[in-house]
PDB file of N, CA and C in Angstrom:
ATOM      1  N   MET A   1     125.297 112.929 137.017  1.00  0.00           N
ATOM      2  CA  MET A   1     126.084 111.645 136.391  1.00  0.00           C
ATOM      3  C   MET A   1     125.381 110.482 136.574  1.00  0.00           C
ATOM      4  N   PRO A   2     125.115 109.558 135.213  1.00  0.00           N
ATOM      5  CA  PRO A   2     123.986 108.569 135.476  1.00  0.00           C
ATOM      6  C   PRO A   2     124.628 107.113 136.111  1.00  0.00           C
ATOM      7  N   SER A   3     123.778 106.483 136.771  1.00  0.00           N
ATOM      8  CA  SER A   3     124.086 105.669 137.837  1.00  0.00           C
ATOM      9  C   SER A   3     124.620 104.324 136.883  1.00  0.00           C
ATOM     10  N   ALA A   4     125.256 103.720 137.462  1.00  0.00           N
ATOM     11  CA  ALA A   4     125.951 102.430 136.606  1.00  0.00           C
ATOM     12  C   ALA A   4     124.660 101.373 136.284  1.00  0.00           C
ATOM     13  N   SER A   5     123.259 101.480 136.773  1.00  0.00           N
ATOM     14  CA  SER A   5     122.364 100.580 136.219  1.00  0.00           C
ATOM     15  C   SER A   5     121.877 101.342 135.001  1.00  0.00           C
ATOM     16  N   SER A   6     121.823 102.231 135.238  1.00  0.00           N
ATOM     17  CA  SER A   6     121.068 103.403 134.385  1.00  0.00           C
ATOM     18  C   SER A   6     122.546 103.419 132.491  1.00  0.00           C
ATOM     19  N   GLU A   7     123.400 103.162 133.100  1.00  0.00           N
ATOM     20  CA  GLU A   7     124.496 102.737 131.957  1.00  0.00           C
ATOM     21  C   GLU A   7     124.502 101.432 131.279  1.00  0.00           C
ATOM     22  N   ALA A   8     123.942 100.179 132.552  1.00  0.00           N
ATOM     23  CA  ALA A   8     124.478  99.060 131.963  1.00  0.00           C
ATOM     24  C   ALA A   8     122.921  98.905 131.040  1.00  0.00           C
ATOM     25  N   GLN A   9     121.939  99.631 131.126  1.00  0.00           N
ATOM     26  CA  GLN A   9     120.723  99.420 130.538  1.00  0.00           C
ATOM     27  C   GLN A   9     120.856 100.147 129.055  1.00  0.00           C
ATOM     28  N   GLN A  10     122.169 100.535 128.723  1.00  0.00           N
ATOM     29  CA  GLN A  10     122.175 101.689 127.461  1.00  0.00           C
ATOM     30  C   GLN A  10     122.171 100.356 126.323  1.00  0.00           C
ATOM     31  N   ALA A  11     121.600 100.031 125.465  1.00  0.00           N
ATOM     32  CA  ALA A  11     121.786  99.213 124.526  1.00  0.00           C
ATOM     33  C   ALA A  11     123.055  99.518 123.664  1.00  0.00           C
ATOM     34  N   PRO A  12     123.507  98.595 123.481  1.00  0.00           N
ATOM     35  CA  PRO A  12     125.155  98.391 122.021  1.00  0.00           C
ATOM     36  C   PRO A  12     124.457  99.288 120.818  1.00  0.00           C
ATOM     37  N   ALA A  13     125.773  99.820 119.948  1.00  0.00           N
ATOM     38  CA  ALA A  13     125.300 100.218 118.811  1.00  0.00           C
ATOM     39  C   ALA A  13     125.142  99.076 117.992  1.00  0.00           C
ATOM     40  N   ARG A  14     124.377  99.017 116.886  1.00  0.00           N
ATOM     41  CA  ARG A  14     124.242  98.277 116.153  1.00  0.00           C
ATOM     42  C   ARG A  14     125.316  97.849 114.704  1.00  0.00           C
ATOM     43  N   VAL A  15     125.705  99.282 114.895  1.00  0.00           N
ATOM     44  CA  VAL A  15     126.589  99.540 114.067  1.00  0.00           C
ATOM     45  C   VAL A  15     127.662 100.468 114.100  1.00  0.00           C
ATOM     46  N   LEU A  16     129.094 100.517 114.109  1.00  0.00           N
ATOM     47  CA  LEU A  16     130.356 101.205 114.598  1.00  0.00           C
ATOM     48  C   LEU A  16     131.011 101.302 113.365  1.00  0.00           C
ATOM     49  N   ALA A  17     131.926 102.352 113.330  1.00  0.00           N
ATOM     50  CA  ALA A  17     132.923 102.406 112.628  1.00  0.00           C
ATOM     51  C   ALA A  17     134.309 102.425 112.907  1.00  0.00           C
ATOM     52  N   THR A  18     135.359 101.863 112.077  1.00  0.00           N
ATOM     53  CA  THR A  18     136.999 102.163 112.738  1.00  0.00           C
ATOM     54  C   THR A  18     136.984 103.652 112.282  1.00  0.00           C
ATOM     55  N   ASP A  19     138.242 103.989 112.824  1.00  0.00           N
ATOM     56  CA  ASP A  19     139.157 105.738 112.395  1.00  0.00           C
ATOM     57  C   ASP A  19     139.250 105.245 110.979  1.00  0.00           C
ATOM     58  N   SER A  20     139.430 104.683 110.384  1.00  0.00           N
ATOM     59  CA  SER A  20     140.168 104.395 108.994  1.00  0.00           C
ATOM     60  C   SER A  20     138.668 104.430 108.325  1.00  0.00           C
ATOM     61  N   ALA A  21     137.991 103.750 108.392  1.00  0.00           N
ATOM     62  CA  ALA A  21     136.029 104.333 107.738  1.00  0.00           C
ATOM     63  C   ALA A  21     136.261 105.692 107.987  1.00  0.00           C
ATOM     64  N   LEU A  22     135.778 105.972 109.380  1.00  0.00           N
ATOM     65  CA  LEU A  22     135.743 107.596 109.471  1.00  0.00           C
ATOM     66  C   LEU A  22     136.054 108.541 108.568  1.00  0.00           C
ATOM     67  N   ALA A  23     137.370 108.276 108.656  1.00  0.00           N
ATOM     68  CA  ALA A  23     138.120 109.029 107.740  1.00  0.00           C
ATOM     69  C   ALA A  23     137.645 109.376 106.094  1.00  0.00           C
ATOM     70  N   LEU A  24     137.514 108.215 106.253  1.00  0.00           N
ATOM     71  CA  LEU A  24     137.394 108.037 104.429  1.00  0.00           C
ATOM     72  C   LEU A  24     135.676 108.148 104.205  1.00  0.00           C
ATOM     73  N   ILE A  25     134.884 108.578 105.335  1.00  0.00           N
ATOM     74  CA  ILE A  25     133.859 108.757 105.151  1.00  0.00           C
ATOM     75  C   ILE A  25     133.366 109.924 105.113  1.00  0.00           C
ATOM     76  N   ALA A  26     134.290 110.992 105.984  1.00  0.00           N
ATOM     77  CA  ALA A  26     134.639 112.380 105.667  1.00  0.00           C
ATOM     78  C   ALA A  26     135.361 112.640 104.317  1.00  0.00           C
ATOM     79  N   GLU A  27     136.386 112.478 103.922  1.00  0.00           N
ATOM     80  CA  GLU A  27     136.738 112.480 102.450  1.00  0.00           C
ATOM     81  C   GLU A  27     135.382 112.013 101.727  1.00  0.00           C
ATOM     82  N   LEU A  28     134.615 111.514 101.864  1.00  0.00           N
ATOM     83  CA  LEU A  28     133.567 110.841 100.900  1.00  0.00           C
ATOM     84  C   LEU A  28     132.223 112.207 100.812  1.00  0.00           C
ATOM     85  N   LYS A  29     132.159 112.858 102.273  1.00  0.00           N
ATOM     86  CA  LYS A  29     131.374 113.597 102.321  1.00  0.00           C
ATOM     87  C   LYS A  29     131.656 114.884 101.798  1.00  0.00           C
ATOM     88  N   ALA A  30     132.943 114.884 101.915  1.00  0.00           N
ATOM     89  CA  ALA A  30     133.457 116.381 101.651  1.00  0.00           C
ATOM     90  C   ALA A  30     132.875 116.388  99.874  1.00  0.00           C
ATOM     91  N   LYS A  31     133.358 115.377  99.120  1.00  0.00           N
ATOM     92  CA  LYS A  31     133.531 115.223  97.726  1.00  0.00           C
ATOM     93  C   LYS A  31     132.214 115.092  97.087  1.00  0.00           C
ATOM     94  N   TYR A  32     131.241 114.680  97.931  1.00  0.00           N
ATOM     95  CA  TYR A  32     129.990 114.292  97.023  1.00  0.00           C
ATOM     96  C   TYR A  32     128.502 115.028  97.658  1.00  0.00           C
ATOM     97  N   GLY A  33     129.032 115.419  98.715  1.00  0.00           N
ATOM     98  CA  GLY A  33     127.805 115.925 100.073  1.00  0.00           C
ATOM     99  C   GLY A  33     127.418 114.976 100.940  1.00  0.00           C
ATOM    100  N   GLU A  34     125.829 115.581 100.637  1.00  0.00           N
ATOM    101  CA  GLU A  34     125.607 113.901 101.805  1.00  0.00           C
ATOM    102  C   GLU A  34     125.434 112.668 101.281  1.00  0.00           C
ATOM    103  N   ILE A  35     125.665 111.284 102.214  1.00  0.00           N
ATOM    104  CA  ILE A  35     125.369 110.105 101.357  1.00  0.00           C
ATOM    105  C   ILE A  35     124.984 108.978 102.572  1.00  0.00           C
ATOM    106  N   LEU A  36     124.779 107.799 102.048  1.00  0.00           N
ATOM    107  CA  LEU A  36     123.808 107.000 102.745  1.00  0.00           C
ATOM    108  C   LEU A  36     124.672 105.626 102.985  1.00  0.00           C
ATOM    109  N   PHE A  37     124.775 104.824 103.837  1.00  0.00           N
ATOM    110  CA  PHE A  37     124.883 103.329 103.406  1.00  0.00           C
ATOM    111  C   PHE A  37     124.193 102.355 103.572  1.00  0.00           C
ATOM    112  N   HIS A  38     123.947 101.599 102.563  1.00  0.00           N
ATOM    113  CA  HIS A  38     123.536 100.381 102.402  1.00  0.00           C
ATOM    114  C   HIS A  38     123.998  98.948 102.683  1.00  0.00           C
ATOM    115  N   GLN A  39     123.852  97.887 103.523  1.00  0.00           N
ATOM    116  CA  GLN A  39     124.241  96.836 103.544  1.00  0.00           C
ATOM    117  C   GLN A  39     124.029  95.998 102.257  1.00  0.00           C
ATOM    118  N   SER A  40     124.901  95.834 101.402  1.00  0.00           N
ATOM    119  CA  SER A  40     124.363  94.151 100.186  1.00  0.00           C
ATOM    120  C   SER A  40     124.001  93.509 100.710  1.00  0.00           C
ATOM    121  N   GLY A  41     123.375  92.989  99.760  1.00  0.00           N
ATOM    122  CA  GLY A  41     123.133  91.541 100.267  1.00  0.00           C
ATOM    123  C   GLY A  41     123.374  90.507  99.542  1.00  0.00           C
ATOM    124  N   GLY A  42     123.981  90.985  98.653  1.00  0.00           N
ATOM    125  CA  GLY A  42     124.892  89.584  97.615  1.00  0.00           C
ATOM    126  C   GLY A  42     125.133  90.460  96.356  1.00  0.00           C
ATOM    127  N   CYS A  43     124.980  89.386  95.399  1.00  0.00           N
ATOM    128  CA  CYS A  43     124.906  89.519  93.897  1.00  0.00           C
ATOM    129  C   CYS A  43     126.234  90.060  93.419  1.00  0.00           C
ATOM    130  N   CYS A  44     126.669  91.127  92.554  1.00  0.00           N
ATOM    131  CA  CYS A  44     127.724  91.957  92.006  1.00  0.00           C
ATOM    132  C   CYS A  44     128.767  92.344  93.311  1.00  0.00           C
ATOM    133  N   ASP A  45     128.376  92.746  94.226  1.00  0.00           N
ATOM    134  CA  ASP A  45     129.209  93.118  95.274  1.00  0.00           C
ATOM    135  C   ASP A  45     128.990  92.126  96.409  1.00  0.00           C
ATOM    136  N   GLY A  46     128.818  91.124  96.595  1.00  0.00           N
ATOM    137  CA  GLY A  46     129.147  90.308  97.746  1.00  0.00           C
ATOM    138  C   GLY A  46     128.012  91.238  98.573  1.00  0.00           C
ATOM    139  N   SER A  47     128.756  90.420  99.916  1.00  0.00           N
ATOM    140  CA  SER A  47     128.124  91.418 101.167  1.00  0.00           C
ATOM    141  C   SER A  47     128.582  92.689 101.644  1.00  0.00           C
ATOM    142  N   ALA A  48     129.103  93.530 100.903  1.00  0.00           N
ATOM    143  CA  ALA A  48     130.012  95.095 101.268  1.00  0.00           C
ATOM    144  C   ALA A  48     129.253  95.884 101.329  1.00  0.00           C
ATOM    145  N   PRO A  49     129.384  96.959 102.673  1.00  0.00           N
ATOM    146  CA  PRO A  49     128.531  98.117 103.074  1.00  0.00           C
ATOM    147  C   PRO A  49     129.004  98.944 101.252  1.00  0.00           C
ATOM    148  N   MET A  50     127.727  99.360 101.331  1.00  0.00           N
ATOM    149  CA  MET A  50     127.368 100.507  99.445  1.00  0.00           C
ATOM    150  C   MET A  50     127.477 101.901 100.684  1.00  0.00           C
ATOM    151  N   CYS A  51     128.055 102.543  99.737  1.00  0.00           N
ATOM    152  CA  CYS A  51     128.014 103.979 100.036  1.00  0.00           C
ATOM    153  C   CYS A  51     127.531 104.614  98.615  1.00  0.00           C
ATOM    154  N   TYR A  52     126.259 105.540  98.958  1.00  0.00           N
ATOM    155  CA  TYR A  52     126.131 106.290  97.898  1.00  0.00           C
ATOM    156  C   TYR A  52     125.298 107.408  98.471  1.00  0.00           C
ATOM    157  N   PRO A  53     125.346 108.908  97.015  1.00  0.00           N
ATOM    158  CA  PRO A  53     124.825 110.249  97.476  1.00  0.00           C
ATOM    159  C   PRO A  53     123.659 109.819  97.540  1.00  0.00           C
ATOM    160  N   ILE A  54     123.215 110.635  98.876  1.00  0.00           N
ATOM    161  CA  ILE A  54     121.732 110.611  99.423  1.00  0.00           C
ATOM    162  C   ILE A  54     120.713 110.749  97.961  1.00  0.00           C
ATOM    163  N   GLY A  55     119.644 110.335  97.518  1.00  0.00           N
ATOM    164  CA  GLY A  55     119.116 110.730  96.033  1.00  0.00           C
ATOM    165  C   GLY A  55     119.360 109.105  95.345  1.00  0.00           C
ATOM    166  N   ASP A  56     120.766 109.053  95.399  1.00  0.00           N
ATOM    167  CA  ASP A  56     121.058 108.090  94.019  1.00  0.00           C
ATOM    168  C   ASP A  56     120.299 106.968  94.487  1.00  0.00           C
ATOM    169  N   TYR A  57     120.321 106.708  95.824  1.00  0.00           N
ATOM    170  CA  TYR A  57     120.052 105.152  96.037  1.00  0.00           C
ATOM    171  C   TYR A  57     117.978 105.188  96.951  1.00  0.00           C
ATOM    172  N   LEU A  58     117.463 104.594  96.245  1.00  0.00           N
ATOM    173  CA  LEU A  58     116.293 104.829  97.053  1.00  0.00           C
ATOM    174  C   LEU A  58     115.749 103.690  98.283  1.00  0.00           C
ATOM    175  N   LEU A  59     115.586 103.874  99.139  1.00  0.00           N
ATOM    176  CA  LEU A  59     115.511 103.102 100.198  1.00  0.00           C
ATOM    177  C   LEU A  59     114.490 102.869 100.468  1.00  0.00           C
ATOM    178  N   SER A  60     113.762 101.754 100.490  1.00  0.00           N
ATOM    179  CA  SER A  60     112.571 100.792 100.770  1.00  0.00           C
ATOM    180  C   SER A  60     112.144 101.872 102.377  1.00  0.00           C
ATOM    181  N   PRO A  61     110.701 102.075 102.236  1.00  0.00           N
ATOM    182  CA  PRO A  61     110.147 102.252 103.718  1.00  0.00           C
ATOM    183  C   PRO A  61     110.223 101.157 104.028  1.00  0.00           C
ATOM    184  N   ASP A  62     110.437 100.181 104.445  1.00  0.00           N
ATOM    185  CA  ASP A  62     110.505  98.970 105.085  1.00  0.00           C
ATOM    186  C   ASP A  62     112.012  99.049 105.392  1.00  0.00           C
ATOM    187  N   ASP A  63     113.456  99.568 104.961  1.00  0.00           N
ATOM    188  CA  ASP A  63     114.350  99.027 105.511  1.00  0.00           C
ATOM    189  C   ASP A  63     114.175  99.669 106.665  1.00  0.00           C
ATOM    190  N   VAL A  64     115.626  99.076 107.357  1.00  0.00           N
ATOM    191  CA  VAL A  64     116.075  98.866 108.705  1.00  0.00           C
ATOM    192  C   VAL A  64     117.187 100.011 109.019  1.00  0.00           C
ATOM    193  N   LYS A  65     117.249 101.189 109.861  1.00  0.00           N
ATOM    194  CA  LYS A  65     118.219 101.821 109.333  1.00  0.00           C
ATOM    195  C   LYS A  65     119.071 101.231 111.095  1.00  0.00           C
ATOM    196  N   LEU A  66     120.329 101.213 111.117  1.00  0.00           N
ATOM    197  CA  LEU A  66     121.146 100.515 112.116  1.00  0.00           C
ATOM    198  C   LEU A  66     121.317 101.809 113.079  1.00  0.00           C
ATOM    199  N   GLY A  67     121.415 102.763 112.272  1.00  0.00           N
ATOM    200  CA  GLY A  67     122.447 103.699 113.592  1.00  0.00           C
ATOM    201  C   GLY A  67     122.684 104.351 112.240  1.00  0.00           C
ATOM    202  N   GLU A  68     123.721 105.551 112.770  1.00  0.00           N
ATOM    203  CA  GLU A  68     124.900 106.561 112.207  1.00  0.00           C
ATOM    204  C   GLU A  68     126.104 106.075 112.022  1.00  0.00           C
ATOM    205  N   ILE A  69     126.973 106.395 111.395  1.00  0.00           N
ATOM    206  CA  ILE A  69     128.532 106.260 111.329  1.00  0.00           C
ATOM    207  C   ILE A  69     129.363 107.293 110.046  1.00  0.00           C
ATOM    208  N   GLY A  70     130.065 108.233 111.300  1.00  0.00           N
ATOM    209  CA  GLY A  70     130.556 109.592 110.819  1.00  0.00           C
ATOM    210  C   GLY A  70     129.344 110.816 110.383  1.00  0.00           C
ATOM    211  N   GLY A  71     127.779 110.546 110.780  1.00  0.00           N
ATOM    212  CA  GLY A  71     126.592 111.277 110.397  1.00  0.00           C
ATOM    213  C   GLY A  71     126.187 110.318 109.457  1.00  0.00           C
ATOM    214  N   VAL A  72     126.564 109.392 109.033  1.00  0.00           N
ATOM    215  CA  VAL A  72     125.890 109.041 107.742  1.00  0.00           C
ATOM    216  C   VAL A  72     125.127 107.728 108.159  1.00  0.00           C
ATOM    217  N   GLY A  73     124.014 107.791 108.150  1.00  0.00           N
ATOM    218  CA  GLY A  73     123.056 106.728 107.994  1.00  0.00           C
ATOM    219  C   GLY A  73     122.930 105.110 107.380  1.00  0.00           C
ATOM    220  N   PHE A  74     123.284 104.240 108.247  1.00  0.00           N
ATOM    221  CA  PHE A  74     123.525 102.688 107.576  1.00  0.00           C
ATOM    222  C   PHE A  74     122.353 101.918 107.557  1.00  0.00           C
ATOM    223  N   TYR A  75     121.847 101.440 106.408  1.00  0.00           N
ATOM    224  CA  TYR A  75     120.379 100.628 106.751  1.00  0.00           C
ATOM    225  C   TYR A  75     121.317  99.054 105.857  1.00  0.00           C
ATOM    226  N   MET A  76     119.910  98.418 106.241  1.00  0.00           N
ATOM    227  CA  MET A  76     119.808  97.238 105.139  1.00  0.00           C
ATOM    228  C   MET A  76     118.702  96.995 105.129  1.00  0.00           C
ATOM    229  N   SER A  77     118.436  95.687 104.727  1.00  0.00           N
ATOM    230  CA  SER A  77     116.163  95.593 104.141  1.00  0.00           C
ATOM    231  C   SER A  77     116.392  94.782 105.304  1.00  0.00           C
ATOM    232  N   PRO A  78     114.984  94.367 105.219  1.00  0.00           N
ATOM    233  CA  PRO A  78     114.234  93.608 106.263  1.00  0.00           C
ATOM    234  C   PRO A  78     114.793  92.307 106.224  1.00  0.00           C
ATOM    235  N   SER A  79     114.823  91.956 105.436  1.00  0.00           N
ATOM    236  CA  SER A  79     115.589  90.417 105.493  1.00  0.00           C
ATOM    237  C   SER A  79     116.508  90.369 105.833  1.00  0.00           C
ATOM    238  N   GLN A  80     117.297  90.922 105.296  1.00  0.00           N
ATOM    239  CA  GLN A  80     118.646  90.805 105.478  1.00  0.00           C
ATOM    240  C   GLN A  80     118.866  91.324 107.485  1.00  0.00           C
ATOM    241  N   PHE A  81     118.309  91.880 107.690  1.00  0.00           N
ATOM    242  CA  PHE A  81     118.238  92.077 109.073  1.00  0.00           C
ATOM    243  C   PHE A  81     118.083  90.993 109.902  1.00  0.00           C
ATOM    244  N   GLU A  82     116.908  90.642 109.830  1.00  0.00           N
ATOM    245  CA  GLU A  82     116.854  89.397 110.409  1.00  0.00           C
ATOM    246  C   GLU A  82     118.122  88.230 110.280  1.00  0.00           C
ATOM    247  N   TYR A  83     118.848  88.051 109.817  1.00  0.00           N
ATOM    248  CA  TYR A  83     120.275  87.395 109.630  1.00  0.00           C
ATOM    249  C   TYR A  83     121.324  88.066 110.484  1.00  0.00           C
ATOM    250  N   TRP A  84     120.893  89.494 110.574  1.00  0.00           N
ATOM    251  CA  TRP A  84     122.213  90.499 110.809  1.00  0.00           C
ATOM    252  C   TRP A  84     121.944  90.627 112.766  1.00  0.00           C
ATOM    253  N   LYS A  85     120.744  90.740 112.971  1.00  0.00           N
ATOM    254  CA  LYS A  85     120.230  91.384 114.276  1.00  0.00           C
ATOM    255  C   LYS A  85     121.022  90.824 115.329  1.00  0.00           C
ATOM    256  N   TYR A  86     121.477  90.063 115.940  1.00  0.00           N
ATOM    257  CA  TYR A  86     122.325  89.585 116.627  1.00  0.00           C
ATOM    258  C   TYR A  86     123.461  89.678 116.480  1.00  0.00           C
ATOM    259  N   THR A  87     124.107  90.600 115.646  1.00  0.00           N
ATOM    260  CA  THR A  87     125.366  90.939 115.859  1.00  0.00           C
ATOM    261  C   THR A  87     125.698  92.000 115.382  1.00  0.00           C
ATOM    262  N   GLN A  88     126.559  92.332 115.779  1.00  0.00           N
ATOM    263  CA  GLN A  88     127.503  93.919 115.392  1.00  0.00           C
ATOM    264  C   GLN A  88     127.749  94.320 114.191  1.00  0.00           C
ATOM    265  N   LEU A  89     127.826  95.282 113.746  1.00  0.00           N
ATOM    266  CA  LEU A  89     128.615  95.313 112.600  1.00  0.00           C
ATOM    267  C   LEU A  89     129.576  96.164 112.914  1.00  0.00           C
ATOM    268  N   ILE A  90     130.870  96.025 112.479  1.00  0.00           N
ATOM    269  CA  ILE A  90     131.798  96.991 112.283  1.00  0.00           C
ATOM    270  C   ILE A  90     132.766  97.615 111.125  1.00  0.00           C
ATOM    271  N   ILE A  91     132.167  98.945 110.781  1.00  0.00           N
ATOM    272  CA  ILE A  91     132.383  99.351 109.375  1.00  0.00           C
ATOM    273  C   ILE A  91     134.068  99.420 109.215  1.00  0.00           C
ATOM    274  N   ASP A  92     134.792  98.833 108.605  1.00  0.00           N
ATOM    275  CA  ASP A  92     136.340  98.866 108.279  1.00  0.00           C
ATOM    276  C   ASP A  92     136.527  99.501 106.863  1.00  0.00           C
ATOM    277  N   VAL A  93     138.012  99.983 106.964  1.00  0.00           N
ATOM    278  CA  VAL A  93     138.635 100.175 105.641  1.00  0.00           C
ATOM    279  C   VAL A  93     139.640  99.327 104.970  1.00  0.00           C
ATOM    280  N   VAL A  94     139.574  98.675 104.156  1.00  0.00           N
ATOM    281  CA  VAL A  94     140.663  98.099 103.653  1.00  0.00           C
ATOM    282  C   VAL A  94     141.512  98.592 102.101  1.00  0.00           C
ATOM    283  N   PRO A  95     142.824  98.478 101.918  1.00  0.00           N
ATOM    284  CA  PRO A  95     143.147  98.155 100.591  1.00  0.00           C
ATOM    285  C   PRO A  95     142.289  97.436  99.371  1.00  0.00           C
ATOM    286  N   GLY A  96     141.896  97.915  98.379  1.00  0.00           N
ATOM    287  CA  GLY A  96     140.961  97.227  97.179  1.00  0.00           C
ATOM    288  C   GLY A  96     140.285  98.178  96.491  1.00  0.00           C
ATOM    289  N   MET A  97     139.531  97.452  95.877  1.00  0.00           N
ATOM    290  CA  MET A  97     138.746  98.213  94.622  1.00  0.00           C
ATOM    291  C   MET A  97     137.187  98.450  95.374  1.00  0.00           C
ATOM    292  N   GLY A  98     136.643  99.346  95.596  1.00  0.00           N
ATOM    293  CA  GLY A  98     134.843  99.585  95.955  1.00  0.00           C
ATOM    294  C   GLY A  98     134.239  99.199  95.446  1.00  0.00           C
ATOM    295  N   GLY A  99     132.788  98.682  95.796  1.00  0.00           N
ATOM    296  CA  GLY A  99     131.692  98.040  94.947  1.00  0.00           C
ATOM    297  C   GLY A  99     131.781  98.437  93.885  1.00  0.00           C
ATOM    298  N   MET A 100     131.108  98.106  92.543  1.00  0.00           N
ATOM    299  CA  MET A 100     131.052  98.805  91.429  1.00  0.00           C
ATOM    300  C   MET A 100     130.525 100.389  91.378  1.00  0.00           C
ATOM    301  N   PHE A 101     129.188 100.482  92.520  1.00  0.00           N
ATOM    302  CA  PHE A 101     128.752 101.639  92.349  1.00  0.00           C
ATOM    303  C   PHE A 101     128.684 102.294  93.475  1.00  0.00           C
ATOM    304  N   SER A 102     129.364 101.802  94.222  1.00  0.00           N
ATOM    305  CA  SER A 102     130.160 102.429  96.019  1.00  0.00           C
ATOM    306  C   SER A 102     131.144 103.803  95.367  1.00  0.00           C
ATOM    307  N   LEU A 103     130.545 104.734  96.004  1.00  0.00           N
ATOM    308  CA  LEU A 103     131.441 105.968  96.470  1.00  0.00           C
ATOM    309  C   LEU A 103     133.142 105.448  95.960  1.00  0.00           C
ATOM    310  N   GLU A 104     133.530 104.729  97.230  1.00  0.00           N
ATOM    311  CA  GLU A 104     135.003 105.040  97.596  1.00  0.00           C
ATOM    312  C   GLU A 104     135.342 103.852  96.171  1.00  0.00           C
ATOM    313  N   ASN A 105     134.687 103.162  95.229  1.00  0.00           N
ATOM    314  CA  ASN A 105     135.468 102.734  93.852  1.00  0.00           C
ATOM    315  C   ASN A 105     136.315 104.065  93.354  1.00  0.00           C
ATOM    316  N   GLY A 106     137.546 103.816  93.313  1.00  0.00           N
ATOM    317  CA  GLY A 106     138.682 104.084  92.605  1.00  0.00           C
ATOM    318  C   GLY A 106     139.561 105.025  93.264  1.00  0.00           C
ATOM    319  N   THR A 107     139.044 104.855  95.057  1.00  0.00           N
ATOM    320  CA  THR A 107     140.203 105.687  95.940  1.00  0.00           C
ATOM    321  C   THR A 107     141.334 104.820  96.217  1.00  0.00           C
ATOM    322  N   GLY A 108     141.499 103.323  95.925  1.00  0.00           N
ATOM    323  CA  GLY A 108     142.143 102.436  95.832  1.00  0.00           C
ATOM    324  C   GLY A 108     141.943 101.553  97.619  1.00  0.00           C
ATOM    325  N   LYS A 109     140.820 102.083  97.847  1.00  0.00           N
ATOM    326  CA  LYS A 109     140.468 101.630  99.113  1.00  0.00           C
ATOM    327  C   LYS A 109     138.763 101.409  99.080  1.00  0.00           C
ATOM    328  N   ARG A 110     138.686 100.341 100.155  1.00  0.00           N
ATOM    329  CA  ARG A 110     136.972  99.774 100.192  1.00  0.00           C
ATOM    330  C   ARG A 110     136.547  99.351 101.357  1.00  0.00           C
ATOM    331  N   PHE A 111     135.318  99.912 101.928  1.00  0.00           N
ATOM    332  CA  PHE A 111     134.507  99.734 102.926  1.00  0.00           C
ATOM    333  C   PHE A 111     134.284  98.080 103.216  1.00  0.00           C
ATOM    334  N   LEU A 112     134.295  97.564 104.456  1.00  0.00           N
ATOM    335  CA  LEU A 112     134.529  96.220 104.590  1.00  0.00           C
ATOM    336  C   LEU A 112     133.456  96.176 105.565  1.00  0.00           C
ATOM    337  N   THR A 113     132.687  95.218 105.767  1.00  0.00           N
ATOM    338  CA  THR A 113     131.983  94.655 107.511  1.00  0.00           C
ATOM    339  C   THR A 113     132.645  94.003 108.201  1.00  0.00           C
ATOM    340  N   ARG A 114     132.949  93.812 109.311  1.00  0.00           N
ATOM    341  CA  ARG A 114     133.519  93.421 110.173  1.00  0.00           C
ATOM    342  C   ARG A 114     132.164  92.713 111.056  1.00  0.00           C
ATOM    343  N   SER A 115     132.271  91.954 112.165  1.00  0.00           N
ATOM    344  CA  SER A 115     131.166  91.969 112.787  1.00  0.00           C
ATOM    345  C   SER A 115     131.592  91.129 114.214  1.00  0.00           C
ATOM    346  N   ARG A 116     130.960  91.103 115.085  1.00  0.00           N
ATOM    347  CA  ARG A 116     130.827  90.330 116.153  1.00  0.00           C
ATOM    348  C   ARG A 116     129.342  90.204 116.708  1.00  0.00           C
ATOM    349  N   VAL A 117     129.163  88.928 117.376  1.00  0.00           N
ATOM    350  CA  VAL A 117     127.596  88.529 118.066  1.00  0.00           C
ATOM    351  C   VAL A 117     127.492  89.387 119.344  1.00  0.00           C
ATOM    352  N   PHE A 118     126.715  90.049 119.526  1.00  0.00           N
ATOM    353  CA  PHE A 118     126.140  90.511 120.570  1.00  0.00           C
ATOM    354  C   PHE A 118     126.071  89.272 122.129  1.00  0.00           C
ATOM    355  N   THR A 119     126.580  89.996 122.882  1.00  0.00           N
ATOM    356  CA  THR A 119     126.295  89.135 124.113  1.00  0.00           C
ATOM    357  C   THR A 119     125.397  89.005 124.335  1.00  0.00           C
ATOM    358  N   GLU A 120     124.780  87.660 125.386  1.00  0.00           N
ATOM    359  CA  GLU A 120     123.634  87.706 126.173  1.00  0.00           C
ATOM    360  C   GLU A 120     122.937  88.617 126.765  1.00  0.00           C
ATOM    361  N   ALA A 121     124.074  89.502 127.037  1.00  0.00           N
ATOM    362  CA  ALA A 121     123.281  90.811 127.857  1.00  0.00           C
ATOM    363  C   ALA A 121     123.274  91.994 126.931  1.00  0.00           C
ATOM    364  N   GLU A 122     123.773  91.976 126.091  1.00  0.00           N
ATOM    365  CA  GLU A 122     123.596  92.778 125.057  1.00  0.00           C
ATOM    366  C   GLU A 122     122.107  92.231 124.302  1.00  0.00           C
ATOM    367  N   THR A 123     122.423  91.729 123.444  1.00  0.00           N
ATOM    368  CA  THR A 123     120.783  91.089 123.383  1.00  0.00           C
ATOM    369  C   THR A 123     119.587  91.502 124.068  1.00  0.00           C
ATOM    370  N   THR A 124     119.767  90.887 125.367  1.00  0.00           N
ATOM    371  CA  THR A 124     118.797  91.551 126.230  1.00  0.00           C
ATOM    372  C   THR A 124     117.981  92.961 126.333  1.00  0.00           C
ATOM    373  N   GLN A 125     119.374  93.958 126.003  1.00  0.00           N
ATOM    374  CA  GLN A 125     119.325  95.285 126.028  1.00  0.00           C
ATOM    375  C   GLN A 125     118.759  95.236 124.817  1.00  0.00           C
ATOM    376  N   LEU A 126     118.846  95.046 123.903  1.00  0.00           N
ATOM    377  CA  LEU A 126     118.252  95.386 122.760  1.00  0.00           C
ATOM    378  C   LEU A 126     116.863  94.912 122.252  1.00  0.00           C
ATOM    379  N   GLY A 127     116.098  94.126 123.251  1.00  0.00           N
ATOM    380  CA  GLY A 127     115.102  93.891 123.010  1.00  0.00           C
ATOM    381  C   GLY A 127     114.894  92.288 122.688  1.00  0.00           C
ATOM    382  N   LEU A 128     115.918  91.741 122.357  1.00  0.00           N
ATOM    383  CA  LEU A 128     116.069  90.165 121.395  1.00  0.00           C
ATOM    384  C   LEU A 128     115.562  89.212 122.245  1.00  0.00           C
TER     385      LEU A 128
END
């Protein structure tokens, strides 16, 4: 059984998903196979989390993997990570049109990034 001090030292997840997001991820995986997320930095689709089949979106060797949600890797560019590194991302689903190139487009649902700032203790656990 882990001690309270070892539990206190465990770093928080950088990315989480709501139950609604996990359900849509499972649906998309069943339809498209292996997929990935990349947090959009703007342009056409704003700052939406974009979902792609693996192989259709080429990750940069410098992209930062924040973690996994529903067994799917979640990435962002290094420059964007500099802005978000003190923030936990919570991926949710809301009614609407998905990003133009994102796999949820046409489902009547879209992924949405919610966030919260890490506490001072959490930033220490993350080594920030």
